[in-house]
Amino acid sequence: MFWYECLDEKVKEYLPDLKLACDEPMSRHTSFHIGGPAKRMAFPASRAQAVLLAHFARECGARALVLGNGTNLLTADEGLDLLAINLSQSLTSIRRTGECLIEADAGVSLARLADFARKASLTGLEFAHGIPGSLGGGVCMNAGAYGGEMCQVVEEVTALFPDGVRTLRGDELKFGYRHSVFSDQSDSVILSALIRLRSGEEQQIKAQMEELLRRRKASQPLEYPSAGSTFKRPAGHYAGTLIDQCGLKGRTVGGAQVSEKHAGFIINRGGATFADVTELIRLVQETVLRESGVQLEPEVRIIR
């Protein structure tokens, strides 16, 4: 029996209300708009469903991929022999649990979470308003922008590990640059996070968000599909500057292009394939290493 047949049986028996799609195109669920069909894609409606689904995936020998808004993913065109667990449709609740505390499910978008904080006159999440990902993805990679990072506001994270559900705090989260304990453990599933903010003034928070959005629109190619910054910032350098200095701005492979607006972004100009983007990533890495001696490491997560 194939893993997906085993999974189908368990879902039918124990999770009859779970939305489960067969051969679901990943291009519909990634900001790059690239990717072939995932053998199965599930949309759990609750934390309990997500936990049980992950347990079934392990029992059936399924390779699992957890995704929110798919904003940091590049997935293969030929399809993926895996179970994609999509948290962005239903695991999106936000609750104020204290004067300066917000608890939110992993699938909620960072933009919506930041807006919730603004309306509650809580400051500290302004930097996240323009980050297109979900809370779970933002925690996993310690997303950041304009001097802010998730590690500055995350109090604790509840996640599913192979040995069960645990809540981690402080040093247990192992936050670093675009890194956390969850990025080291691909079999973990972030379920929710507790965010600690500070009291503020709503109009000032709104003004800061609008200013950061203006700066983002002015400097980033938001009009094209992409996965955000393609490469991590190398120590002592900026990836976009190195790429620009190597004369790679505007370089294309098929439908993929090094953005003419910001060299740190590889964009889908139209019809770009997985092969186009990965070849352009390889070309950029090879050229920058040869010209500057700096090895660029992809920030985008590549799934084959």
C-alpha atoms as a PDB file:
ATOM      1  CA  MET A   1       0.000   0.000   0.000  1.00  0.00           C
ATOM      2  CA  PHE A   2       1.272   3.470  -0.901  1.00  0.00           C
ATOM      3  CA  TRP A   3       1.548   6.029   1.906  1.00  0.00           C
ATOM      4  CA  TYR A   4      -1.257   8.143   0.460  1.00  0.00           C
ATOM      5  CA  GLU A   5      -3.610   5.169   0.341  1.00  0.00           C
ATOM      6  CA  CYS A   6      -2.865   4.501   3.998  1.00  0.00           C
ATOM      7  CA  LEU A   7      -3.420   8.169   4.808  1.00  0.00           C
ATOM      8  CA  ASP A   8      -6.694   8.284   2.868  1.00  0.00           C
ATOM      9  CA  GLU A   9      -8.027   5.367   4.900  1.00  0.00           C
ATOM     10  CA  LYS A  10      -7.075   6.928   8.236  1.00  0.00           C
ATOM     11  CA  VAL A  11      -8.539  10.297   7.284  1.00  0.00           C
ATOM     12  CA  LYS A  12     -11.777   8.663   6.127  1.00  0.00           C
ATOM     13  CA  GLU A  13     -12.097   6.774   9.409  1.00  0.00           C
ATOM     14  CA  TYR A  14     -10.875   9.315  11.978  1.00  0.00           C
ATOM     15  CA  LEU A  15     -11.063  12.737  10.285  1.00  0.00           C
ATOM     16  CA  PRO A  16     -14.047  12.545   7.938  1.00  0.00           C
ATOM     17  CA  ASP A  17     -14.538  16.323   8.017  1.00  0.00           C
ATOM     18  CA  LEU A  18     -10.945  17.121   7.055  1.00  0.00           C
ATOM     19  CA  LYS A  19     -10.500  18.836   3.699  1.00  0.00           C
ATOM     20  CA  LEU A  20      -8.017  16.683   1.771  1.00  0.00           C
ATOM     21  CA  ALA A  21      -7.082  17.439  -1.841  1.00  0.00           C
ATOM     22  CA  CYS A  22      -5.405  15.038  -4.262  1.00  0.00           C
ATOM     23  CA  ASP A  23      -2.663  16.223  -6.623  1.00  0.00           C
ATOM     24  CA  GLU A  24      -3.098  19.836  -5.569  1.00  0.00           C
ATOM     25  CA  PRO A  25      -0.888  22.260  -7.591  1.00  0.00           C
ATOM     26  CA  MET A  26       1.648  23.947  -5.331  1.00  0.00           C
ATOM     27  CA  SER A  27       1.656  26.921  -7.704  1.00  0.00           C
ATOM     28  CA  ARG A  28      -1.709  27.889  -6.190  1.00  0.00           C
ATOM     29  CA  HIS A  29      -0.214  28.038  -2.710  1.00  0.00           C
ATOM     30  CA  THR A  30       3.195  29.693  -3.170  1.00  0.00           C
ATOM     31  CA  SER A  31       3.988  33.350  -3.767  1.00  0.00           C
ATOM     32  CA  PHE A  32       6.362  32.365  -6.594  1.00  0.00           C
ATOM     33  CA  HIS A  33       3.357  30.809  -8.428  1.00  0.00           C
ATOM     34  CA  ILE A  34       5.611  27.873  -9.248  1.00  0.00           C
ATOM     35  CA  GLY A  35       5.222  24.200  -8.397  1.00  0.00           C
ATOM     36  CA  GLY A  36       3.599  20.993  -9.533  1.00  0.00           C
ATOM     37  CA  PRO A  37       1.049  18.888  -7.682  1.00  0.00           C
ATOM     38  CA  ALA A  38       1.510  17.705  -4.115  1.00  0.00           C
ATOM     39  CA  LYS A  39       0.279  14.116  -3.868  1.00  0.00           C
ATOM     40  CA  ARG A  40      -1.971  15.179  -0.987  1.00  0.00           C
ATOM     41  CA  MET A  41      -2.718  18.568   0.552  1.00  0.00           C
ATOM     42  CA  ALA A  42      -4.655  18.777   3.808  1.00  0.00           C
ATOM     43  CA  PHE A  43      -6.313  21.825   5.337  1.00  0.00           C
ATOM     44  CA  PRO A  44      -6.772  21.129   9.082  1.00  0.00           C
ATOM     45  CA  ALA A  45      -9.534  23.157  10.696  1.00  0.00           C
ATOM     46  CA  SER A  46      -8.130  22.987  14.232  1.00  0.00           C
ATOM     47  CA  ARG A  47      -4.954  22.316  16.182  1.00  0.00           C
ATOM     48  CA  ALA A  48      -6.344  18.913  17.149  1.00  0.00           C
ATOM     49  CA  GLN A  49      -6.801  17.990  13.482  1.00  0.00           C
ATOM     50  CA  ALA A  50      -3.290  19.183  12.664  1.00  0.00           C
ATOM     51  CA  VAL A  51      -1.793  17.094  15.472  1.00  0.00           C
ATOM     52  CA  LEU A  52      -3.707  13.958  14.479  1.00  0.00           C
ATOM     53  CA  LEU A  53      -2.881  14.479  10.803  1.00  0.00           C
ATOM     54  CA  ALA A  54       0.838  14.780  11.514  1.00  0.00           C
ATOM     55  CA  HIS A  55       0.612  11.588  13.585  1.00  0.00           C
ATOM     56  CA  PHE A  56      -1.071   9.756  10.690  1.00  0.00           C
ATOM     57  CA  ALA A  57       1.574  11.038   8.280  1.00  0.00           C
ATOM     58  CA  ARG A  58       4.333   9.474  10.396  1.00  0.00           C
ATOM     59  CA  GLU A  59       2.404   6.208  10.749  1.00  0.00           C
ATOM     60  CA  CYS A  60       1.911   5.990   6.978  1.00  0.00           C
ATOM     61  CA  GLY A  61       5.486   6.920   6.132  1.00  0.00           C
ATOM     62  CA  ALA A  62       4.497  10.172   4.445  1.00  0.00           C
ATOM     63  CA  ARG A  63       6.937  12.992   3.928  1.00  0.00           C
ATOM     64  CA  ALA A  64       5.181  16.075   5.317  1.00  0.00           C
ATOM     65  CA  LEU A  65       5.548  19.728   4.365  1.00  0.00           C
ATOM     66  CA  VAL A  66       3.896  22.325   6.590  1.00  0.00           C
ATOM     67  CA  LEU A  67       3.056  25.620   4.928  1.00  0.00           C
ATOM     68  CA  GLY A  68       1.259  28.841   5.677  1.00  0.00           C
ATOM     69  CA  ASN A  69       1.178  31.444   2.906  1.00  0.00           C
ATOM     70  CA  GLY A  70       3.956  29.728   0.942  1.00  0.00           C
ATOM     71  CA  THR A  71       5.946  32.944   0.698  1.00  0.00           C
ATOM     72  CA  ASN A  72       9.376  31.415   1.254  1.00  0.00           C
ATOM     73  CA  LEU A  73       9.010  28.279  -0.863  1.00  0.00           C
ATOM     74  CA  LEU A  74      10.217  27.201  -4.278  1.00  0.00           C
ATOM     75  CA  THR A  75       8.716  23.833  -5.197  1.00  0.00           C
ATOM     76  CA  ALA A  76       9.514  21.461  -8.057  1.00  0.00           C
ATOM     77  CA  ASP A  77       7.412  21.478 -11.225  1.00  0.00           C
ATOM     78  CA  GLU A  78       7.243  17.708 -11.619  1.00  0.00           C
ATOM     79  CA  GLY A  79       5.259  17.378  -8.437  1.00  0.00           C
ATOM     80  CA  LEU A  80       5.973  16.353  -4.881  1.00  0.00           C
ATOM     81  CA  ASP A  81       5.493  12.926  -3.356  1.00  0.00           C
ATOM     82  CA  LEU A  82       4.453  14.320  -0.007  1.00  0.00           C
ATOM     83  CA  LEU A  83       1.640  15.487   2.228  1.00  0.00           C
ATOM     84  CA  ALA A  84       1.374  19.268   2.330  1.00  0.00           C
ATOM     85  CA  ILE A  85      -0.300  20.469   5.527  1.00  0.00           C
ATOM     86  CA  ASN A  86      -1.738  23.905   4.810  1.00  0.00           C
ATOM     87  CA  LEU A  87      -2.446  25.919   7.956  1.00  0.00           C
ATOM     88  CA  SER A  88      -3.402  29.181   6.267  1.00  0.00           C
ATOM     89  CA  GLN A  89      -7.123  28.562   5.735  1.00  0.00           C
ATOM     90  CA  SER A  90      -8.432  27.740   9.198  1.00  0.00           C
ATOM     91  CA  LEU A  91      -5.675  27.951  11.815  1.00  0.00           C
ATOM     92  CA  THR A  92      -5.870  31.728  11.858  1.00  0.00           C
ATOM     93  CA  SER A  93      -7.411  32.821  15.178  1.00  0.00           C
ATOM     94  CA  ILE A  94      -5.973  35.709  17.214  1.00  0.00           C
ATOM     95  CA  ARG A  95      -6.723  36.342  20.881  1.00  0.00           C
ATOM     96  CA  ARG A  96      -5.614  39.027  23.323  1.00  0.00           C
ATOM     97  CA  THR A  97      -4.650  37.147  26.479  1.00  0.00           C
ATOM     98  CA  GLY A  98      -3.198  39.959  28.591  1.00  0.00           C
ATOM     99  CA  GLU A  99      -2.588  43.673  28.648  1.00  0.00           C
ATOM    100  CA  CYS A 100       0.322  43.367  26.217  1.00  0.00           C
ATOM    101  CA  LEU A 101      -0.007  39.722  25.160  1.00  0.00           C
ATOM    102  CA  ILE A 102      -1.468  38.259  21.974  1.00  0.00           C
ATOM    103  CA  GLU A 103      -1.838  34.547  21.257  1.00  0.00           C
ATOM    104  CA  ALA A 104      -2.274  33.548  17.609  1.00  0.00           C
ATOM    105  CA  ASP A 105      -2.470  30.386  15.537  1.00  0.00           C
ATOM    106  CA  ALA A 106       0.409  29.565  13.215  1.00  0.00           C
ATOM    107  CA  GLY A 107      -1.587  30.075  10.022  1.00  0.00           C
ATOM    108  CA  VAL A 108      -2.482  33.726  10.630  1.00  0.00           C
ATOM    109  CA  SER A 109      -0.732  36.176   8.316  1.00  0.00           C
ATOM    110  CA  LEU A 110       1.830  38.513   9.853  1.00  0.00           C
ATOM    111  CA  ALA A 111       0.046  41.430   8.199  1.00  0.00           C
ATOM    112  CA  ARG A 112      -3.245  40.569   9.905  1.00  0.00           C
ATOM    113  CA  LEU A 113      -1.481  39.974  13.230  1.00  0.00           C
ATOM    114  CA  ALA A 114       0.222  43.372  13.013  1.00  0.00           C
ATOM    115  CA  ASP A 115      -3.115  45.010  12.213  1.00  0.00           C
ATOM    116  CA  PHE A 116      -4.692  43.321  15.235  1.00  0.00           C
ATOM    117  CA  ALA A 117      -1.895  44.715  17.404  1.00  0.00           C
ATOM    118  CA  ARG A 118      -2.365  48.194  15.943  1.00  0.00           C
ATOM    119  CA  LYS A 119      -6.085  48.193  16.688  1.00  0.00           C
ATOM    120  CA  ALA A 120      -5.260  47.134  20.255  1.00  0.00           C
ATOM    121  CA  SER A 121      -2.746  50.033  20.509  1.00  0.00           C
ATOM    122  CA  LEU A 122       0.129  47.595  20.960  1.00  0.00           C
ATOM    123  CA  THR A 123       3.490  48.451  19.430  1.00  0.00           C
ATOM    124  CA  GLY A 124       6.388  46.200  18.426  1.00  0.00           C
ATOM    125  CA  LEU A 125       5.029  44.407  15.350  1.00  0.00           C
ATOM    126  CA  GLU A 126       5.133  47.300  12.899  1.00  0.00           C
ATOM    127  CA  PHE A 127       8.126  45.755  11.096  1.00  0.00           C
ATOM    128  CA  ALA A 128       6.116  42.604  10.350  1.00  0.00           C
ATOM    129  CA  HIS A 129       3.189  44.325   8.657  1.00  0.00           C
ATOM    130  CA  GLY A 130       4.779  44.158   5.216  1.00  0.00           C
ATOM    131  CA  ILE A 131       6.227  40.648   5.558  1.00  0.00           C
ATOM    132  CA  PRO A 132       3.954  38.467   3.401  1.00  0.00           C
ATOM    133  CA  GLY A 133       4.283  35.214   5.355  1.00  0.00           C
ATOM    134  CA  SER A 134       2.384  33.560   8.168  1.00  0.00           C
ATOM    135  CA  LEU A 135       3.174  33.567  11.878  1.00  0.00           C
ATOM    136  CA  GLY A 136       4.405  29.968  11.820  1.00  0.00           C
ATOM    137  CA  GLY A 137       6.808  30.626   8.965  1.00  0.00           C
ATOM    138  CA  GLY A 138       7.896  33.907  10.507  1.00  0.00           C
ATOM    139  CA  VAL A 139       8.738  32.209  13.809  1.00  0.00           C
ATOM    140  CA  CYS A 140      10.475  29.285  12.107  1.00  0.00           C
ATOM    141  CA  MET A 141      12.862  31.517  10.155  1.00  0.00           C
ATOM    142  CA  ASN A 142      12.921  34.389  12.675  1.00  0.00           C
ATOM    143  CA  ALA A 143      11.646  36.703   9.970  1.00  0.00           C
ATOM    144  CA  GLY A 144      12.637  40.312  10.162  1.00  0.00           C
ATOM    145  CA  ALA A 145      12.719  43.661   8.392  1.00  0.00           C
ATOM    146  CA  TYR A 146      13.769  47.249   9.088  1.00  0.00           C
ATOM    147  CA  GLY A 147      15.553  46.419  12.315  1.00  0.00           C
ATOM    148  CA  GLY A 148      12.838  44.194  13.775  1.00  0.00           C
ATOM    149  CA  GLU A 149      12.806  40.412  14.159  1.00  0.00           C
ATOM    150  CA  MET A 150      10.290  37.911  15.475  1.00  0.00           C
ATOM    151  CA  CYS A 151      12.656  36.947  18.302  1.00  0.00           C
ATOM    152  CA  GLN A 152      12.104  40.414  19.769  1.00  0.00           C
ATOM    153  CA  VAL A 153       8.390  39.810  20.318  1.00  0.00           C
ATOM    154  CA  VAL A 154       7.895  36.032  20.627  1.00  0.00           C
ATOM    155  CA  GLU A 155       7.340  34.992  24.243  1.00  0.00           C
ATOM    156  CA  GLU A 156       6.632  31.306  23.707  1.00  0.00           C
ATOM    157  CA  VAL A 157       5.752  28.843  20.953  1.00  0.00           C
ATOM    158  CA  THR A 158       3.565  25.755  21.122  1.00  0.00           C
ATOM    159  CA  ALA A 159       4.562  23.106  18.593  1.00  0.00           C
ATOM    160  CA  LEU A 160       4.151  19.453  17.762  1.00  0.00           C
ATOM    161  CA  PHE A 161       7.277  17.308  17.893  1.00  0.00           C
ATOM    162  CA  PRO A 162       7.570  13.555  17.285  1.00  0.00           C
ATOM    163  CA  ASP A 163       7.348  13.031  21.062  1.00  0.00           C
ATOM    164  CA  GLY A 164       4.253  15.214  21.467  1.00  0.00           C
ATOM    165  CA  VAL A 165       3.104  18.813  21.862  1.00  0.00           C
ATOM    166  CA  ARG A 166       5.445  21.079  23.823  1.00  0.00           C
ATOM    167  CA  THR A 167       5.636  24.782  24.633  1.00  0.00           C
ATOM    168  CA  LEU A 168       9.094  26.361  24.296  1.00  0.00           C
ATOM    169  CA  ARG A 169      10.299  29.661  25.731  1.00  0.00           C
ATOM    170  CA  GLY A 170      13.404  31.819  25.827  1.00  0.00           C
ATOM    171  CA  ASP A 171      16.666  30.081  24.943  1.00  0.00           C
ATOM    172  CA  GLU A 172      14.779  26.898  24.045  1.00  0.00           C
ATOM    173  CA  LEU A 173      13.689  28.638  20.839  1.00  0.00           C
ATOM    174  CA  LYS A 174      17.332  29.039  19.701  1.00  0.00           C
ATOM    175  CA  PHE A 175      16.647  32.163  17.696  1.00  0.00           C
ATOM    176  CA  GLY A 176      19.370  33.424  15.391  1.00  0.00           C
ATOM    177  CA  TYR A 177      19.601  35.149  12.054  1.00  0.00           C
ATOM    178  CA  ARG A 178      16.860  33.522   9.926  1.00  0.00           C
ATOM    179  CA  HIS A 179      17.031  30.553  12.263  1.00  0.00           C
ATOM    180  CA  SER A 180      15.213  28.879  15.149  1.00  0.00           C
ATOM    181  CA  VAL A 181      14.972  25.480  16.778  1.00  0.00           C
ATOM    182  CA  PHE A 182      12.164  24.714  14.313  1.00  0.00           C
ATOM    183  CA  SER A 183      14.308  25.319  11.234  1.00  0.00           C
ATOM    184  CA  ASP A 184      16.632  22.624  12.617  1.00  0.00           C
ATOM    185  CA  GLN A 185      13.765  20.155  13.093  1.00  0.00           C
ATOM    186  CA  SER A 186      11.843  19.621   9.873  1.00  0.00           C
ATOM    187  CA  ASP A 187       9.482  17.198  11.633  1.00  0.00           C
ATOM    188  CA  SER A 188       8.192  19.897  13.994  1.00  0.00           C
ATOM    189  CA  VAL A 189       4.883  21.700  13.407  1.00  0.00           C
ATOM    190  CA  ILE A 190       4.378  25.141  14.937  1.00  0.00           C
ATOM    191  CA  LEU A 191       0.793  25.417  16.193  1.00  0.00           C
ATOM    192  CA  SER A 192       0.655  28.821  17.893  1.00  0.00           C
ATOM    193  CA  ALA A 193       2.746  31.551  19.469  1.00  0.00           C
ATOM    194  CA  LEU A 194       2.408  34.034  22.305  1.00  0.00           C
ATOM    195  CA  ILE A 195       3.505  37.544  21.356  1.00  0.00           C
ATOM    196  CA  ARG A 196       4.553  40.152  23.933  1.00  0.00           C
ATOM    197  CA  LEU A 197       4.247  43.776  22.834  1.00  0.00           C
ATOM    198  CA  ARG A 198       4.183  47.210  24.470  1.00  0.00           C
ATOM    199  CA  SER A 199       1.450  49.780  24.949  1.00  0.00           C
ATOM    200  CA  GLY A 200       1.454  52.411  22.233  1.00  0.00           C
ATOM    201  CA  GLU A 201      -0.652  54.947  20.396  1.00  0.00           C
ATOM    202  CA  GLU A 202      -2.663  53.610  17.457  1.00  0.00           C
ATOM    203  CA  GLN A 203      -2.115  56.568  15.132  1.00  0.00           C
ATOM    204  CA  GLN A 204       1.648  56.482  15.684  1.00  0.00           C
ATOM    205  CA  ILE A 205       1.693  52.724  15.060  1.00  0.00           C
ATOM    206  CA  LYS A 206      -0.334  53.215  11.878  1.00  0.00           C
ATOM    207  CA  ALA A 207       1.993  55.973  10.676  1.00  0.00           C
ATOM    208  CA  GLN A 208       5.030  53.742  11.235  1.00  0.00           C
ATOM    209  CA  MET A 209       3.404  50.905   9.291  1.00  0.00           C
ATOM    210  CA  GLU A 210       2.571  53.231   6.407  1.00  0.00           C
ATOM    211  CA  GLU A 211       6.133  54.566   6.312  1.00  0.00           C
ATOM    212  CA  LEU A 212       7.644  51.080   6.239  1.00  0.00           C
ATOM    213  CA  LEU A 213       5.190  50.051   3.505  1.00  0.00           C
ATOM    214  CA  ARG A 214       6.158  53.108   1.459  1.00  0.00           C
ATOM    215  CA  ARG A 215       9.831  52.199   1.783  1.00  0.00           C
ATOM    216  CA  ARG A 216       9.111  48.594   0.860  1.00  0.00           C
ATOM    217  CA  LYS A 217       7.161  49.532  -2.267  1.00  0.00           C
ATOM    218  CA  ALA A 218       9.881  51.953  -3.331  1.00  0.00           C
ATOM    219  CA  SER A 219      12.711  49.439  -3.029  1.00  0.00           C
ATOM    220  CA  GLN A 220      11.232  45.976  -3.667  1.00  0.00           C
ATOM    221  CA  PRO A 221       9.638  44.394  -6.767  1.00  0.00           C
ATOM    222  CA  LEU A 222       6.285  43.722  -5.118  1.00  0.00           C
ATOM    223  CA  GLU A 223       4.527  43.779  -8.491  1.00  0.00           C
ATOM    224  CA  TYR A 224       6.039  40.404  -9.463  1.00  0.00           C
ATOM    225  CA  PRO A 225       5.732  36.942  -7.897  1.00  0.00           C
ATOM    226  CA  SER A 226       8.760  36.060  -5.782  1.00  0.00           C
ATOM    227  CA  ALA A 227       9.710  34.470  -2.480  1.00  0.00           C
ATOM    228  CA  GLY A 228      11.046  37.693  -1.012  1.00  0.00           C
ATOM    229  CA  SER A 229      14.781  37.998  -0.436  1.00  0.00           C
ATOM    230  CA  THR A 230      16.362  35.085  -2.278  1.00  0.00           C
ATOM    231  CA  PHE A 231      19.579  34.953  -0.258  1.00  0.00           C
ATOM    232  CA  LYS A 232      20.494  35.362   3.383  1.00  0.00           C
ATOM    233  CA  ARG A 233      22.611  38.369   4.331  1.00  0.00           C
ATOM    234  CA  PRO A 234      26.261  37.228   4.405  1.00  0.00           C
ATOM    235  CA  ALA A 235      28.368  38.440   7.326  1.00  0.00           C
ATOM    236  CA  GLY A 236      29.727  41.894   6.631  1.00  0.00           C
ATOM    237  CA  HIS A 237      27.873  42.287   3.334  1.00  0.00           C
ATOM    238  CA  TYR A 238      24.483  42.738   1.712  1.00  0.00           C
ATOM    239  CA  ALA A 239      23.486  40.077  -0.814  1.00  0.00           C
ATOM    240  CA  GLY A 240      21.722  42.543  -3.130  1.00  0.00           C
ATOM    241  CA  THR A 241      24.754  44.854  -3.234  1.00  0.00           C
ATOM    242  CA  LEU A 242      27.139  41.991  -4.048  1.00  0.00           C
ATOM    243  CA  ILE A 243      24.848  40.739  -6.817  1.00  0.00           C
ATOM    244  CA  ASP A 244      24.493  44.245  -8.261  1.00  0.00           C
ATOM    245  CA  GLN A 245      28.262  44.820  -8.162  1.00  0.00           C
ATOM    246  CA  CYS A 246      28.717  41.646 -10.197  1.00  0.00           C
ATOM    247  CA  GLY A 247      26.536  43.103 -12.945  1.00  0.00           C
ATOM    248  CA  LEU A 248      23.773  40.557 -12.455  1.00  0.00           C
ATOM    249  CA  LYS A 249      20.840  42.915 -12.003  1.00  0.00           C
ATOM    250  CA  GLY A 250      18.340  42.094 -14.754  1.00  0.00           C
ATOM    251  CA  ARG A 251      19.958  38.742 -15.633  1.00  0.00           C
ATOM    252  CA  THR A 252      17.366  36.211 -16.766  1.00  0.00           C
ATOM    253  CA  VAL A 253      17.043  32.467 -17.143  1.00  0.00           C
ATOM    254  CA  GLY A 254      13.781  31.625 -18.873  1.00  0.00           C
ATOM    255  CA  GLY A 255      11.009  33.435 -17.024  1.00  0.00           C
ATOM    256  CA  ALA A 256      13.136  34.053 -13.918  1.00  0.00           C
ATOM    257  CA  GLN A 257      14.989  37.328 -13.453  1.00  0.00           C
ATOM    258  CA  VAL A 258      17.280  39.027 -10.966  1.00  0.00           C
ATOM    259  CA  SER A 259      15.078  42.025 -10.232  1.00  0.00           C
ATOM    260  CA  GLU A 260      16.143  45.279 -11.821  1.00  0.00           C
ATOM    261  CA  LYS A 261      14.625  47.076  -8.830  1.00  0.00           C
ATOM    262  CA  HIS A 262      16.407  45.084  -6.078  1.00  0.00           C
ATOM    263  CA  ALA A 263      19.121  42.572  -6.972  1.00  0.00           C
ATOM    264  CA  GLY A 264      18.426  40.578  -3.804  1.00  0.00           C
ATOM    265  CA  PHE A 265      15.154  39.348  -5.315  1.00  0.00           C
ATOM    266  CA  ILE A 266      14.705  36.731  -8.009  1.00  0.00           C
ATOM    267  CA  ILE A 267      11.279  37.253  -9.562  1.00  0.00           C
ATOM    268  CA  ASN A 268       8.895  35.349 -11.812  1.00  0.00           C
ATOM    269  CA  ARG A 269       8.520  37.576 -14.861  1.00  0.00           C
ATOM    270  CA  GLY A 270       5.952  35.174 -16.266  1.00  0.00           C
ATOM    271  CA  GLY A 271       6.042  31.443 -16.865  1.00  0.00           C
ATOM    272  CA  ALA A 272       9.156  30.851 -14.786  1.00  0.00           C
ATOM    273  CA  THR A 273       9.808  27.224 -13.916  1.00  0.00           C
ATOM    274  CA  PHE A 274      11.510  25.611 -10.943  1.00  0.00           C
ATOM    275  CA  ALA A 275      14.467  24.863 -13.226  1.00  0.00           C
ATOM    276  CA  ASP A 276      14.668  28.508 -14.332  1.00  0.00           C
ATOM    277  CA  VAL A 277      14.841  29.803 -10.759  1.00  0.00           C
ATOM    278  CA  THR A 278      17.255  27.188  -9.449  1.00  0.00           C
ATOM    279  CA  GLU A 279      19.587  27.726 -12.418  1.00  0.00           C
ATOM    280  CA  LEU A 280      19.524  31.479 -11.844  1.00  0.00           C
ATOM    281  CA  ILE A 281      20.253  30.942  -8.138  1.00  0.00           C
ATOM    282  CA  ARG A 282      23.214  28.736  -9.097  1.00  0.00           C
ATOM    283  CA  LEU A 283      24.472  31.326 -11.601  1.00  0.00           C
ATOM    284  CA  VAL A 284      24.268  34.129  -9.034  1.00  0.00           C
ATOM    285  CA  GLN A 285      26.037  32.074  -6.370  1.00  0.00           C
ATOM    286  CA  GLU A 286      28.793  31.025  -8.748  1.00  0.00           C
ATOM    287  CA  THR A 287      29.387  34.552 -10.050  1.00  0.00           C
ATOM    288  CA  VAL A 288      29.366  36.242  -6.636  1.00  0.00           C
ATOM    289  CA  LEU A 289      31.741  33.625  -5.216  1.00  0.00           C
ATOM    290  CA  ARG A 290      34.127  34.048  -8.129  1.00  0.00           C
ATOM    291  CA  GLU A 291      34.042  37.854  -8.111  1.00  0.00           C
ATOM    292  CA  SER A 292      33.914  38.558  -4.370  1.00  0.00           C
ATOM    293  CA  GLY A 293      34.832  35.353  -2.563  1.00  0.00           C
ATOM    294  CA  VAL A 294      31.494  35.402  -0.707  1.00  0.00           C
ATOM    295  CA  GLN A 295      29.290  32.296  -0.698  1.00  0.00           C
ATOM    296  CA  LEU A 296      25.622  33.231  -0.824  1.00  0.00           C
ATOM    297  CA  GLU A 297      23.214  30.945   0.992  1.00  0.00           C
ATOM    298  CA  PRO A 298      19.605  30.769  -0.231  1.00  0.00           C
ATOM    299  CA  GLU A 299      16.988  32.130   2.143  1.00  0.00           C
ATOM    300  CA  VAL A 300      14.209  30.664   0.026  1.00  0.00           C
ATOM    301  CA  ARG A 301      13.389  27.084   0.957  1.00  0.00           C
ATOM    302  CA  ILE A 302      13.788  24.777  -2.048  1.00  0.00           C
ATOM    303  CA  ILE A 303      11.570  21.677  -2.044  1.00  0.00           C
ATOM    304  CA  ARG A 304      12.109  18.861  -4.534  1.00  0.00           C
END
